[in-house]
């Protein structure tokens, strides 16, 4: 409040003192909120970018785990049918099962990592409210170009690239209507 307005308030001295104290504390609260909101938006934005990398790792690991499980089943069937030497197959099965155990443990850890920070992120998203979004068609085109560069540099798998690109192109079409 402007000094002249403050002085024109018809308040007793103790009321003016309380007014000043509350005004100062509420201003400080506004500053703290702005700091929290800006810090939160920055962190959530960085998490969103990193989350894509974690999802990609989870997807790749899940594919490898599935592949090893298929190979194990195939080896066991071939041994059962007498198509493979049991001793050699058992050594291979043992190595694959060890590898599978390690990969499954890593997959669980990555999924827990993802779940932990996704929940935390959602909590802060709710507190902060909607984050600034892509503002226009030109910015979406830039995001598509960034995505294409990531794909060309093999930083994003093809299925992830196609899915995100389709989402961006849909958004672009809506904005250009």
Protein backbone atom coordinates (compact mmCIF):
# COMPACT_ATOMS: atom_id res chain seq x y z
CA UNK A 1 0.00 0.00 0.00
CA UNK A 2 1.23 3.52 -0.76
CA UNK A 3 2.42 5.46 2.30
CA UNK A 4 -0.24 8.19 1.85
CA UNK A 5 -3.01 5.56 1.72
CA UNK A 6 -1.60 3.81 4.76
CA UNK A 7 -1.48 7.03 6.73
CA UNK A 8 -5.03 7.88 5.71
CA UNK A 9 -6.35 4.71 7.36
CA UNK A 10 -8.36 5.52 10.42
CA UNK A 11 -6.53 3.09 12.69
CA UNK A 12 -5.26 3.23 16.21
CA UNK A 13 -1.45 3.04 16.62
CA UNK A 14 -1.54 -0.64 17.69
CA UNK A 15 -3.80 -1.42 14.70
CA UNK A 16 -1.40 0.37 12.35
CA UNK A 17 1.43 -1.68 13.81
CA UNK A 18 -0.53 -4.89 13.28
CA UNK A 19 -1.44 -3.76 9.77
CA UNK A 20 2.22 -3.19 8.93
CA UNK A 21 3.29 -6.52 10.43
CA UNK A 22 0.61 -8.49 8.55
CA UNK A 23 1.33 -6.64 5.33
CA UNK A 24 5.03 -7.52 5.62
CA UNK A 25 4.33 -11.15 6.45
CA UNK A 26 1.86 -11.58 3.59
CA UNK A 27 4.35 -10.01 1.16
CA UNK A 28 6.96 -12.46 2.40
CA UNK A 29 4.48 -15.30 1.93
CA UNK A 30 3.83 -14.12 -1.65
CA UNK A 31 7.59 -14.10 -2.27
CA UNK A 32 7.98 -17.59 -0.82
CA UNK A 33 5.10 -18.86 -2.96
CA UNK A 34 6.62 -17.33 -6.11
CA UNK A 35 9.97 -18.95 -5.28
CA UNK A 36 8.32 -22.33 -4.64
CA UNK A 37 6.26 -22.11 -7.81
CA UNK A 38 9.23 -21.16 -10.02
CA UNK A 39 11.50 -23.78 -8.47
CA UNK A 40 8.75 -26.39 -8.72
CA UNK A 41 8.02 -25.63 -12.38
CA UNK A 42 11.73 -25.89 -13.21
CA UNK A 43 12.10 -29.20 -11.38
CA UNK A 44 8.96 -30.68 -12.92
CA UNK A 45 10.13 -29.63 -16.36
CA UNK A 46 13.52 -31.27 -15.82
CA UNK A 47 11.82 -34.43 -14.46
CA UNK A 48 9.53 -34.59 -17.50
CA UNK A 49 12.56 -34.58 -19.79
CA UNK A 50 14.45 -37.14 -17.75
CA UNK A 51 11.36 -39.33 -17.37
CA UNK A 52 11.37 -39.97 -21.13
CA UNK A 53 14.89 -41.40 -20.79
CA UNK A 54 13.85 -43.64 -17.89
CA UNK A 55 10.77 -44.84 -19.79
CA UNK A 56 12.97 -45.65 -22.76
CA UNK A 57 15.32 -47.69 -20.54
CA UNK A 58 12.37 -49.51 -18.98
CA UNK A 59 11.02 -50.32 -22.41
CA UNK A 60 14.37 -51.62 -23.66
CA UNK A 61 14.96 -53.70 -20.54
CA UNK A 62 11.46 -55.16 -20.69
CA UNK A 63 12.14 -56.18 -24.28
CA UNK A 64 15.43 -57.84 -23.33
CA UNK A 65 13.79 -59.65 -20.40
CA UNK A 66 11.03 -60.90 -22.66
CA UNK A 67 13.59 -62.08 -25.22
CA UNK A 68 15.58 -63.97 -22.60
CA UNK A 69 12.40 -65.58 -21.25
CA UNK A 70 11.50 -66.77 -24.76
CA UNK A 71 15.02 -68.14 -25.28
CA UNK A 72 14.88 -69.97 -21.94
CA UNK A 73 11.55 -71.55 -22.81
CA UNK A 74 12.86 -72.55 -26.22
CA UNK A 75 16.01 -74.10 -24.75
CA UNK A 76 14.00 -76.07 -22.19
CA UNK A 77 11.67 -77.41 -24.87
CA UNK A 78 14.58 -78.38 -27.12
CA UNK A 79 16.25 -80.25 -24.23
CA UNK A 80 12.97 -81.98 -23.43
CA UNK A 81 12.62 -83.04 -27.06
CA UNK A 82 16.25 -84.23 -27.13
CA UNK A 83 17.28 -81.67 -29.76
CA UNK A 84 20.07 -80.21 -27.60
CA UNK A 85 22.73 -81.68 -25.37
CA UNK A 86 21.29 -81.36 -21.88
CA UNK A 87 24.59 -80.44 -20.20
CA UNK A 88 25.41 -77.64 -22.67
CA UNK A 89 21.84 -76.38 -22.62
CA UNK A 90 21.77 -76.38 -18.81
CA UNK A 91 24.94 -74.25 -18.69
CA UNK A 92 23.37 -71.81 -21.14
CA UNK A 93 20.09 -71.85 -19.19
CA UNK A 94 21.98 -71.16 -15.96
CA UNK A 95 23.80 -68.16 -17.50
CA UNK A 96 20.56 -66.82 -18.98
CA UNK A 97 18.71 -67.21 -15.67
CA UNK A 98 21.46 -65.28 -13.86
CA UNK A 99 21.31 -62.56 -16.47
CA UNK A 100 17.51 -62.55 -16.30
CA UNK A 101 17.58 -62.19 -12.52
CA UNK A 102 19.95 -59.20 -12.77
CA UNK A 103 17.90 -57.53 -15.50
CA UNK A 104 14.60 -58.11 -13.70
CA UNK A 105 16.05 -56.57 -10.56
CA UNK A 106 17.21 -53.54 -12.55
CA UNK A 107 13.82 -53.30 -14.23
CA UNK A 108 12.07 -53.30 -10.86
CA UNK A 109 14.46 -50.61 -9.61
CA UNK A 110 13.84 -48.42 -12.64
CA UNK A 111 10.08 -48.84 -12.32
CA UNK A 112 10.29 -47.89 -8.63
CA UNK A 113 12.44 -44.89 -9.55
CA UNK A 114 9.86 -43.84 -12.10
CA UNK A 115 6.92 -44.38 -9.75
CA UNK A 116 8.56 -42.50 -6.87
CA UNK A 117 9.29 -39.35 -8.80
CA UNK A 118 6.14 -39.48 -10.88
CA UNK A 119 4.05 -39.46 -7.68
CA UNK A 120 6.13 -36.65 -6.24
CA UNK A 121 5.86 -34.71 -9.46
CA UNK A 122 2.07 -35.11 -9.49
CA UNK A 123 1.83 -33.82 -5.92
CA UNK A 124 3.69 -30.65 -6.84
CA UNK A 125 1.83 -30.26 -10.15
CA UNK A 126 -1.43 -30.19 -8.19
CA UNK A 127 -0.07 -27.61 -5.77
CA UNK A 128 1.37 -25.35 -8.44
CA UNK A 129 -1.45 -25.66 -10.93
CA UNK A 130 -1.13 -25.87 -14.69
CA UNK A 131 2.39 -25.44 -15.98
CA UNK A 132 3.03 -23.13 -18.88
CA UNK A 133 2.31 -25.01 -22.07
CA UNK A 134 3.51 -24.77 -25.61
CA UNK A 135 2.27 -21.43 -26.80
CA UNK A 136 2.01 -21.74 -30.53
CA UNK A 137 2.48 -23.64 -33.75
CA UNK A 138 6.04 -22.41 -34.24
CA UNK A 139 7.09 -23.75 -30.85
CA UNK A 140 5.54 -27.12 -31.68
CA UNK A 141 7.46 -27.23 -34.96
CA UNK A 142 10.63 -26.57 -32.96
CA UNK A 143 9.76 -29.43 -30.60
CA UNK A 144 9.21 -31.73 -33.58
CA UNK A 145 12.64 -30.73 -34.95
CA UNK A 146 14.24 -31.39 -31.55
CA UNK A 147 12.55 -34.77 -31.41
CA UNK A 148 13.74 -35.63 -34.92
CA UNK A 149 17.31 -34.71 -33.96
CA UNK A 150 17.10 -36.92 -30.87
CA UNK A 151 15.82 -39.77 -33.05
CA UNK A 152 18.52 -39.25 -35.70
CA UNK A 153 21.17 -39.31 -32.95
CA UNK A 154 19.66 -42.55 -31.62
CA UNK A 155 18.73 -40.95 -28.28
CA UNK A 156 15.09 -41.94 -28.68
CA UNK A 157 13.73 -45.30 -29.83
CA UNK A 158 11.60 -45.39 -32.96
CA UNK A 159 8.34 -46.29 -31.21
CA UNK A 160 8.77 -43.46 -28.67
CA UNK A 161 9.69 -41.07 -31.48
CA UNK A 162 6.62 -42.01 -33.54
CA UNK A 163 4.24 -41.73 -30.58
CA UNK A 164 5.50 -38.31 -29.42
CA UNK A 165 5.70 -36.99 -32.98
CA UNK A 166 2.10 -38.05 -33.63
CA UNK A 167 0.98 -36.25 -30.46
CA UNK A 168 2.84 -33.09 -31.46
CA UNK A 169 1.51 -33.20 -35.02
CA UNK A 170 -2.05 -33.59 -33.71
CA UNK A 171 -1.55 -30.59 -31.45
CA UNK A 172 -0.06 -28.63 -34.36
CA UNK A 173 -3.06 -29.45 -36.57
CA UNK A 174 -5.44 -28.25 -33.86
CA UNK A 175 -3.55 -24.97 -33.47
CA UNK A 176 -3.41 -24.36 -37.21
CA UNK A 177 -7.17 -24.87 -37.76
